[in-house]
N, C-alpha and C. Protein backbone atom coordinates (compact mmCIF):
# COMPACT_ATOMS: atom_id res chain seq x y z
N MET A 1 -38.43 43.64 -19.21
CA MET A 1 -37.81 42.92 -20.36
C MET A 1 -36.62 42.27 -20.54
N ALA A 2 -36.30 41.29 -21.17
CA ALA A 2 -36.00 40.50 -21.65
C ALA A 2 -34.31 40.31 -21.07
N THR A 3 -33.96 39.81 -20.93
CA THR A 3 -32.42 39.59 -20.84
C THR A 3 -31.56 38.97 -21.73
N SER A 4 -30.62 39.79 -22.60
CA SER A 4 -29.77 39.29 -23.53
C SER A 4 -29.15 38.14 -23.36
N ASP A 5 -29.25 37.29 -24.61
CA ASP A 5 -28.22 35.98 -24.29
C ASP A 5 -27.16 36.48 -23.77
N GLU A 6 -26.56 37.55 -24.19
CA GLU A 6 -25.12 37.50 -24.13
C GLU A 6 -24.62 37.95 -22.30
N LEU A 7 -25.71 38.88 -22.01
CA LEU A 7 -25.66 39.50 -20.39
C LEU A 7 -25.73 38.33 -19.57
N ILE A 8 -27.16 37.04 -20.04
CA ILE A 8 -27.03 35.85 -18.96
C ILE A 8 -25.81 35.19 -19.09
N LYS A 9 -25.40 34.94 -20.49
CA LYS A 9 -23.58 34.31 -20.43
C LYS A 9 -22.46 35.05 -19.74
N LYS A 10 -22.60 35.75 -19.83
CA LYS A 10 -21.52 37.34 -18.80
C LYS A 10 -22.26 36.34 -17.51
N ASN A 11 -23.47 36.39 -16.74
CA ASN A 11 -23.60 36.26 -15.33
C ASN A 11 -23.62 35.15 -15.07
N VAL A 12 -23.63 33.99 -16.13
CA VAL A 12 -23.57 32.66 -15.50
C VAL A 12 -22.14 32.50 -15.72
N VAL A 13 -21.05 32.78 -16.22
CA VAL A 13 -20.13 32.80 -16.23
C VAL A 13 -19.13 33.29 -14.93
N ASP A 14 -19.66 34.69 -14.62
CA ASP A 14 -19.11 35.14 -13.31
C ASP A 14 -19.72 34.54 -12.20
N GLU A 15 -20.88 33.68 -12.16
CA GLU A 15 -21.22 33.33 -10.92
C GLU A 15 -20.65 31.54 -10.86
N LEU A 16 -20.34 31.09 -11.81
CA LEU A 16 -19.11 29.96 -11.90
C LEU A 16 -17.76 30.29 -11.19
N TYR A 17 -17.17 31.29 -11.54
CA TYR A 17 -15.79 31.71 -11.29
C TYR A 17 -15.91 31.92 -9.84
N TRP A 18 -17.21 32.54 -9.39
CA TRP A 18 -16.89 32.89 -8.12
C TRP A 18 -17.50 31.64 -6.95
N ASN A 19 -17.89 30.63 -7.95
CA ASN A 19 -18.32 28.88 -6.99
C ASN A 19 -17.54 28.34 -6.58
N ASP A 20 -16.76 28.42 -5.50
CA ASP A 20 -16.04 27.58 -5.16
C ASP A 20 -15.93 25.71 -5.31
N SER A 21 -17.25 25.44 -5.51
CA SER A 21 -17.45 23.94 -5.95
C SER A 21 -16.82 23.45 -7.31
N VAL A 22 -16.67 24.80 -8.00
CA VAL A 22 -16.52 24.54 -9.79
C VAL A 22 -15.51 25.39 -9.82
N ASP A 23 -14.71 24.43 -11.01
CA ASP A 23 -13.31 24.95 -11.82
C ASP A 23 -14.16 25.58 -13.16
N ALA A 24 -14.25 26.86 -13.12
CA ALA A 24 -14.90 27.57 -14.21
C ALA A 24 -14.38 27.19 -15.46
N SER A 25 -12.91 27.25 -15.35
CA SER A 25 -12.17 27.11 -16.71
C SER A 25 -12.20 26.04 -17.26
N CYS A 26 -13.51 24.84 -16.78
CA CYS A 26 -13.53 23.35 -17.18
C CYS A 26 -15.38 23.20 -17.88
N VAL A 27 -15.76 24.37 -17.60
CA VAL A 27 -17.19 24.42 -18.07
C VAL A 27 -17.51 25.79 -19.13
N LYS A 28 -17.90 24.90 -20.24
CA LYS A 28 -18.28 26.16 -21.63
C LYS A 28 -19.60 26.21 -21.44
N VAL A 29 -19.90 27.44 -21.48
CA VAL A 29 -21.32 28.55 -21.55
C VAL A 29 -21.62 28.57 -22.96
N GLU A 30 -23.13 28.11 -23.09
CA GLU A 30 -23.22 28.68 -24.31
C GLU A 30 -24.87 29.29 -24.13
N VAL A 31 -25.36 30.31 -25.05
CA VAL A 31 -26.92 30.58 -24.19
C VAL A 31 -27.38 31.26 -25.76
N GLU A 32 -29.14 30.57 -25.71
CA GLU A 32 -29.86 30.73 -26.69
C GLU A 32 -31.08 30.74 -26.52
N GLN A 33 -31.56 32.12 -26.31
CA GLN A 33 -32.83 32.41 -26.41
C GLN A 33 -33.48 32.14 -24.62
N GLY A 34 -32.41 32.36 -23.86
CA GLY A 34 -32.65 32.21 -22.37
C GLY A 34 -32.34 30.91 -22.07
N VAL A 35 -31.91 29.84 -22.81
CA VAL A 35 -31.68 28.51 -22.62
C VAL A 35 -30.41 29.00 -22.61
N VAL A 36 -29.62 28.10 -20.91
CA VAL A 36 -28.20 27.71 -20.55
C VAL A 36 -27.60 26.49 -21.17
N PHE A 37 -26.80 26.34 -22.32
CA PHE A 37 -25.90 25.29 -22.39
C PHE A 37 -24.79 24.83 -21.88
N LEU A 38 -24.50 23.98 -20.75
CA LEU A 38 -23.08 24.02 -19.96
C LEU A 38 -22.61 22.60 -20.65
N SER A 39 -21.29 22.84 -20.81
CA SER A 39 -20.35 21.23 -21.33
C SER A 39 -19.06 21.58 -20.80
N GLY A 40 -18.57 20.45 -20.80
CA GLY A 40 -17.00 20.41 -20.67
C GLY A 40 -17.08 19.01 -19.63
N THR A 41 -16.09 19.23 -18.93
CA THR A 41 -15.41 17.81 -18.29
C THR A 41 -15.13 18.39 -16.79
N VAL A 42 -15.58 17.68 -15.88
CA VAL A 42 -15.58 18.17 -14.35
C VAL A 42 -15.07 16.77 -13.79
N SER A 43 -14.19 17.03 -12.36
CA SER A 43 -13.86 15.77 -11.56
C SER A 43 -15.08 14.81 -10.69
N ASN A 44 -16.16 15.86 -10.25
CA ASN A 44 -17.24 14.86 -9.64
C ASN A 44 -18.53 15.39 -9.81
N TYR A 45 -19.46 14.87 -9.23
CA TYR A 45 -20.63 14.90 -9.57
C TYR A 45 -20.77 16.18 -8.66
N ARG A 46 -20.47 16.88 -7.98
CA ARG A 46 -20.48 17.89 -6.98
C ARG A 46 -20.87 18.81 -8.06
N ALA A 47 -19.39 19.02 -8.52
CA ALA A 47 -19.34 20.49 -9.64
C ALA A 47 -19.98 20.43 -10.90
N ARG A 48 -20.54 19.36 -11.41
CA ARG A 48 -21.41 19.32 -12.31
C ARG A 48 -22.80 19.83 -11.83
N THR A 49 -23.14 19.41 -10.46
CA THR A 49 -24.83 19.55 -10.29
C THR A 49 -24.44 21.23 -9.54
N ALA A 50 -23.23 21.82 -8.95
CA ALA A 50 -23.17 23.09 -8.87
C ALA A 50 -22.98 24.12 -9.63
N SER A 51 -22.77 23.64 -10.91
CA SER A 51 -22.85 24.48 -12.32
C SER A 51 -24.16 24.64 -12.66
N ALA A 52 -24.66 23.82 -12.77
CA ALA A 52 -26.23 23.80 -13.36
C ALA A 52 -26.98 24.68 -12.03
N GLU A 53 -26.85 24.76 -10.97
CA GLU A 53 -27.87 25.30 -9.60
C GLU A 53 -27.53 26.59 -9.93
N SER A 54 -26.01 26.86 -10.27
CA SER A 54 -25.47 28.50 -10.32
C SER A 54 -25.95 29.10 -11.88
N ALA A 55 -26.28 28.43 -12.70
CA ALA A 55 -26.84 28.81 -13.96
C ALA A 55 -28.38 29.22 -13.98
N ALA A 56 -29.13 28.19 -13.14
CA ALA A 56 -30.26 28.13 -12.91
C ALA A 56 -30.85 29.28 -11.86
N GLY A 57 -29.95 29.94 -11.17
CA GLY A 57 -29.83 31.07 -10.29
C GLY A 57 -30.11 32.36 -11.01
N ILE A 58 -29.58 32.34 -12.39
CA ILE A 58 -29.23 33.84 -12.90
C ILE A 58 -30.24 34.23 -13.53
N HIS A 59 -30.77 35.43 -13.77
CA HIS A 59 -32.05 36.32 -13.91
C HIS A 59 -31.89 35.93 -15.36
N GLY A 60 -33.45 35.92 -15.77
CA GLY A 60 -33.69 35.90 -17.52
C GLY A 60 -33.02 34.04 -17.82
N VAL A 61 -32.15 33.37 -17.19
CA VAL A 61 -32.57 32.01 -17.48
C VAL A 61 -33.78 30.92 -17.14
N LEU A 62 -34.22 30.25 -18.55
CA LEU A 62 -35.59 29.76 -18.72
C LEU A 62 -35.17 28.53 -18.03
N ASN A 63 -33.72 27.94 -18.86
CA ASN A 63 -33.64 26.32 -18.74
C ASN A 63 -32.44 26.11 -18.46
N VAL A 64 -31.65 25.05 -17.95
CA VAL A 64 -30.70 24.54 -18.05
C VAL A 64 -30.13 23.13 -18.55
N GLN A 65 -29.38 23.17 -19.79
CA GLN A 65 -29.00 22.23 -20.28
C GLN A 65 -27.75 21.25 -19.86
N ASN A 66 -27.69 20.76 -19.09
CA ASN A 66 -26.51 20.75 -18.19
C ASN A 66 -25.85 19.21 -18.93
N ARG A 67 -24.59 19.27 -19.98
CA ARG A 67 -24.13 18.39 -20.72
C ARG A 67 -22.21 18.18 -20.13
N ILE A 68 -22.39 18.35 -19.08
CA ILE A 68 -21.34 18.48 -18.42
C ILE A 68 -20.97 17.16 -18.47
N VAL A 69 -19.72 16.32 -18.52
CA VAL A 69 -19.06 14.80 -18.29
C VAL A 69 -18.54 15.10 -17.22
N VAL A 70 -18.51 13.75 -16.53
CA VAL A 70 -17.77 13.73 -15.12
C VAL A 70 -16.92 12.41 -15.40
N ASP A 71 -15.53 13.01 -14.80
CA ASP A 71 -14.49 12.13 -14.87
C ASP A 71 -13.70 12.19 -14.04
N PRO A 72 -13.22 11.43 -13.14
CA PRO A 72 -12.88 11.61 -11.57
C PRO A 72 -11.43 11.44 -11.92
N ASN A 73 -10.82 10.93 -13.21
CA ASN A 73 -9.58 11.29 -13.50
C ASN A 73 -9.01 12.72 -13.87
N HIS A 74 -10.20 13.42 -14.14
CA HIS A 74 -9.98 15.06 -15.18
C HIS A 74 -9.16 15.54 -13.90
N THR A 75 -7.90 16.19 -14.13
CA THR A 75 -7.12 16.79 -13.12
C THR A 75 -6.99 18.42 -13.42
N ALA A 76 -7.64 19.09 -14.41
CA ALA A 76 -7.82 20.27 -14.72
C ALA A 76 -7.96 21.08 -13.43
N GLY A 77 -7.40 22.12 -12.88
CA GLY A 77 -7.92 22.62 -11.81
C GLY A 77 -7.95 22.13 -10.48
N ALA A 78 -7.17 20.53 -10.33
CA ALA A 78 -7.62 19.80 -9.38
C ALA A 78 -7.07 20.44 -8.02
N THR A 79 -7.69 20.31 -6.83
CA THR A 79 -7.45 20.91 -5.70
C THR A 79 -6.07 20.53 -5.02
N PRO A 80 -5.30 21.39 -4.69
CA PRO A 80 -3.87 20.57 -4.45
C PRO A 80 -4.30 19.94 -2.80
N ASP A 81 -3.52 18.87 -2.64
CA ASP A 81 -3.73 17.90 -1.09
C ASP A 81 -3.98 18.95 -0.37
N GLU A 82 -2.95 19.96 0.07
CA GLU A 82 -3.02 20.41 1.04
C GLU A 82 -4.00 21.67 1.05
N VAL A 83 -5.03 21.81 0.15
CA VAL A 83 -6.15 22.31 0.47
C VAL A 83 -7.22 21.25 1.05
N ILE A 84 -7.05 20.34 0.32
CA ILE A 84 -8.25 19.19 0.55
C ILE A 84 -8.45 19.03 2.00
N GLN A 85 -6.49 18.91 2.22
CA GLN A 85 -6.53 18.69 4.16
C GLN A 85 -7.21 19.73 4.80
N ASP A 86 -6.62 20.70 4.74
CA ASP A 86 -7.06 21.96 5.57
C ASP A 86 -8.62 22.29 5.38
N THR A 87 -9.29 21.88 4.80
CA THR A 87 -10.71 22.01 4.65
C THR A 87 -11.39 20.81 5.12
N ALA A 88 -10.41 19.62 5.37
CA ALA A 88 -11.26 18.31 5.97
C ALA A 88 -10.67 18.32 7.60
N VAL A 89 -9.76 19.07 7.90
CA VAL A 89 -9.63 19.40 9.18
C VAL A 89 -10.53 20.34 9.67
N LYS A 90 -10.43 21.25 9.01
CA LYS A 90 -11.50 22.43 9.54
C LYS A 90 -12.73 22.36 9.62
N ALA A 91 -13.36 21.40 8.87
CA ALA A 91 -14.28 20.64 9.35
C ALA A 91 -14.37 19.75 10.22
N LEU A 92 -13.90 18.73 10.32
CA LEU A 92 -13.81 18.25 11.96
C LEU A 92 -13.74 19.21 13.20
N CYS A 93 -13.11 20.19 13.13
CA CYS A 93 -12.71 21.18 14.09
C CYS A 93 -13.98 21.88 14.59
N TRP A 94 -14.67 22.52 13.59
CA TRP A 94 -15.84 23.08 13.34
C TRP A 94 -17.04 22.52 14.10
N ASN A 95 -16.77 21.03 14.13
CA ASN A 95 -18.02 20.05 14.09
C ASN A 95 -18.49 19.83 15.87
N PRO A 96 -19.35 20.09 16.46
CA PRO A 96 -19.19 19.59 17.94
C PRO A 96 -19.20 18.50 18.02
N ASP A 97 -19.63 17.70 17.13
CA ASP A 97 -19.80 15.85 17.10
C ASP A 97 -18.59 15.64 17.10
N PHE A 98 -17.25 16.38 16.71
CA PHE A 98 -15.86 15.55 17.01
C PHE A 98 -14.91 16.13 17.61
N GLN A 99 -15.35 17.10 18.62
CA GLN A 99 -14.45 17.89 19.57
C GLN A 99 -14.19 17.34 20.41
N GLY A 100 -12.64 17.09 20.59
CA GLY A 100 -12.21 16.14 21.58
C GLY A 100 -11.98 14.61 20.91
N ALA A 101 -12.10 14.56 19.88
CA ALA A 101 -12.15 13.42 18.75
C ALA A 101 -10.44 13.44 18.33
N ASN A 102 -9.63 12.60 18.14
CA ASN A 102 -8.24 12.27 18.05
C ASN A 102 -8.04 11.58 16.76
N ILE A 103 -8.37 12.67 15.93
CA ILE A 103 -8.29 11.95 14.32
C ILE A 103 -7.59 12.81 13.58
N THR A 104 -6.78 12.41 12.92
CA THR A 104 -5.65 12.54 11.88
C THR A 104 -5.76 12.48 10.10
N VAL A 105 -5.57 13.67 9.85
CA VAL A 105 -6.09 13.88 8.30
C VAL A 105 -4.84 13.81 7.46
N ASN A 106 -4.54 12.74 6.53
CA ASN A 106 -4.00 12.77 5.67
C ASN A 106 -4.42 12.37 4.45
N VAL A 107 -3.54 13.08 3.31
CA VAL A 107 -4.19 13.26 1.82
C VAL A 107 -3.19 13.09 0.85
N ASN A 108 -3.36 12.07 0.03
CA ASN A 108 -2.13 11.50 -0.97
C ASN A 108 -2.85 11.53 -2.10
N GLN A 109 -2.53 12.30 -3.24
CA GLN A 109 -3.11 12.25 -4.67
C GLN A 109 -4.87 12.61 -4.50
N GLY A 110 -5.10 12.96 -3.72
CA GLY A 110 -7.13 13.46 -3.55
C GLY A 110 -7.67 12.50 -2.52
N VAL A 111 -6.97 11.70 -2.15
CA VAL A 111 -7.88 10.51 -1.60
C VAL A 111 -7.37 10.65 -0.24
N VAL A 112 -8.63 11.05 0.88
CA VAL A 112 -8.46 11.59 2.24
C VAL A 112 -8.27 10.56 3.00
N VAL A 113 -7.47 10.03 4.08
CA VAL A 113 -7.42 9.18 4.88
C VAL A 113 -7.12 9.60 6.10
N LEU A 114 -8.42 8.94 7.10
CA LEU A 114 -8.98 9.60 8.50
C LEU A 114 -8.18 8.40 9.32
N GLU A 115 -7.60 8.74 9.99
CA GLU A 115 -6.82 7.77 11.26
C GLU A 115 -6.79 8.45 13.24
N GLY A 116 -7.51 7.43 13.54
CA GLY A 116 -7.26 8.10 14.71
C GLY A 116 -8.62 7.39 15.49
N THR A 117 -9.40 7.90 17.21
CA THR A 117 -10.00 7.50 17.79
C THR A 117 -11.17 8.33 17.84
N VAL A 118 -12.43 7.87 17.73
CA VAL A 118 -13.41 8.71 18.55
C VAL A 118 -14.36 7.84 19.26
N GLY A 119 -15.57 8.20 20.04
CA GLY A 119 -15.99 7.33 21.09
C GLY A 119 -17.40 7.19 20.65
N GLY A 120 -18.21 6.38 20.95
CA GLY A 120 -19.66 6.17 20.78
C GLY A 120 -20.37 6.02 19.53
N PRO A 121 -21.34 6.55 19.23
CA PRO A 121 -22.13 6.34 17.78
C PRO A 121 -21.40 7.10 16.72
N LEU A 122 -20.36 7.71 16.90
CA LEU A 122 -19.70 8.55 15.78
C LEU A 122 -18.74 8.25 14.79
N GLU A 123 -18.58 6.88 14.78
CA GLU A 123 -17.26 6.08 14.54
C GLU A 123 -17.30 6.01 13.12
N GLU A 124 -18.34 6.05 12.12
CA GLU A 124 -18.66 6.10 11.09
C GLU A 124 -18.73 7.22 10.00
N LYS A 125 -19.41 8.62 10.76
CA LYS A 125 -19.45 9.46 10.75
C LYS A 125 -18.23 10.54 9.89
N PRO A 126 -16.81 10.32 10.69
CA PRO A 126 -16.20 11.34 10.14
C PRO A 126 -15.80 11.64 8.65
N GLY A 127 -15.87 10.08 8.15
CA GLY A 127 -15.32 9.83 6.65
C GLY A 127 -16.60 10.71 5.77
N ARG A 128 -17.68 10.35 6.15
CA ARG A 128 -18.74 10.57 5.44
C ARG A 128 -18.90 12.55 5.27
N LYS A 129 -18.56 12.97 6.89
CA LYS A 129 -18.65 14.41 6.69
C LYS A 129 -17.33 15.33 6.07
N CYS A 130 -16.22 14.15 5.85
CA CYS A 130 -15.05 15.03 5.72
C CYS A 130 -15.03 15.07 3.83
N ARG A 131 -15.96 13.97 3.43
CA ARG A 131 -16.37 14.25 2.07
C ARG A 131 -17.05 15.30 1.24
N ARG A 132 -18.09 15.71 2.73
CA ARG A 132 -19.01 16.58 2.36
C ARG A 132 -17.91 18.05 2.28
N ALA A 133 -17.53 17.77 3.40
CA ALA A 133 -16.87 19.08 3.59
C ALA A 133 -15.80 19.65 2.42
N THR A 134 -15.43 18.79 2.03
CA THR A 134 -14.38 18.73 0.51
C THR A 134 -15.14 19.13 -0.96
N ASP A 135 -16.41 19.07 -0.76
CA ASP A 135 -17.30 19.04 -1.72
C ASP A 135 -16.88 17.89 -2.80
N GLY A 136 -16.49 16.77 -2.44
CA GLY A 136 -16.19 15.96 -3.24
C GLY A 136 -14.95 15.89 -4.28
N ARG A 137 -14.30 16.94 -3.84
CA ARG A 137 -13.17 17.29 -4.72
C ARG A 137 -12.06 16.30 -4.70
N ALA A 138 -12.01 15.71 -3.57
CA ALA A 138 -11.03 14.33 -3.38
C ALA A 138 -11.84 12.95 -3.62
N GLN A 139 -10.94 12.18 -4.28
CA GLN A 139 -11.79 10.85 -4.33
C GLN A 139 -12.57 10.24 -3.11
N ASP A 140 -13.48 9.57 -3.39
CA ASP A 140 -14.65 9.01 -2.38
C ASP A 140 -13.61 7.44 -2.17
N ARG A 141 -13.30 7.18 -0.83
CA ARG A 141 -12.75 6.37 -0.41
C ARG A 141 -13.43 5.80 1.19
N GLU A 142 -14.19 4.62 0.64
CA GLU A 142 -15.38 4.38 1.99
C GLU A 142 -14.11 3.59 2.99
N SER A 143 -12.89 3.00 2.98
CA SER A 143 -12.44 2.34 4.13
C SER A 143 -11.03 2.81 4.23
N VAL A 144 -10.13 2.60 5.06
CA VAL A 144 -8.91 2.77 5.38
C VAL A 144 -8.23 1.75 5.69
N GLY A 145 -7.14 1.35 5.15
CA GLY A 145 -6.31 0.25 5.11
C GLY A 145 -7.29 -1.13 4.84
N GLY A 146 -8.19 -0.94 3.80
CA GLY A 146 -8.81 -2.06 3.82
C GLY A 146 -10.25 -2.63 4.69
N ARG A 147 -10.08 -1.72 6.03
CA ARG A 147 -11.27 -2.17 6.79
C ARG A 147 -12.56 -1.25 6.15
N ALA A 148 -13.92 -1.81 6.88
CA ALA A 148 -14.75 -1.02 6.46
C ALA A 148 -15.27 0.12 6.93
N ASP A 149 -14.38 0.48 8.28
CA ASP A 149 -14.84 1.67 9.00
C ASP A 149 -13.60 2.40 8.82
N PRO A 150 -14.69 3.74 8.52
CA PRO A 150 -13.25 5.22 8.08
C PRO A 150 -12.38 5.82 8.93
N VAL A 151 -12.72 4.79 10.40
CA VAL A 151 -11.65 5.50 11.47
C VAL A 151 -11.82 4.24 12.18
N PRO A 152 -10.44 3.74 12.50
CA PRO A 152 -9.98 2.53 12.69
C PRO A 152 -10.42 2.49 14.42
N ARG A 153 -10.98 1.25 15.05
CA ARG A 153 -11.15 1.37 16.49
C ARG A 153 -10.11 0.75 17.14
N ARG A 154 -10.17 1.38 18.45
CA ARG A 154 -9.16 0.75 19.46
C ARG A 154 -9.70 -0.44 20.53
């Protein structure tokens, strides 16, 4: 038995609501004959991709047309700096590669700045891992203080 478009829409909206990578209030969902049309504006590509993946996983969805626009300046539902900082700190603490590393995480208007020291080949990994851990919610910044390294060296 085919799933009705109304049920598919309800299930997609519910799935978006529970997906931490997506601010569901920024995504409009329409369904026609099992095809889901997503539209709206989000602040990063992770949210855009996660929206489409969530929709595609719903029973009865035949196809997903992702028309979501990415605007890094979009602030509706923006993640507070304190949440980004907490997520980045936890990502570093939970990762065995960084146990014992002396890294301070500061966040200002969505920009994550890592300061401290690490040893060995880990020196360029903290920034990338933090960006992944914060689901791209923070603005990407490849350098700290104009340096090419995410973590200054001693």
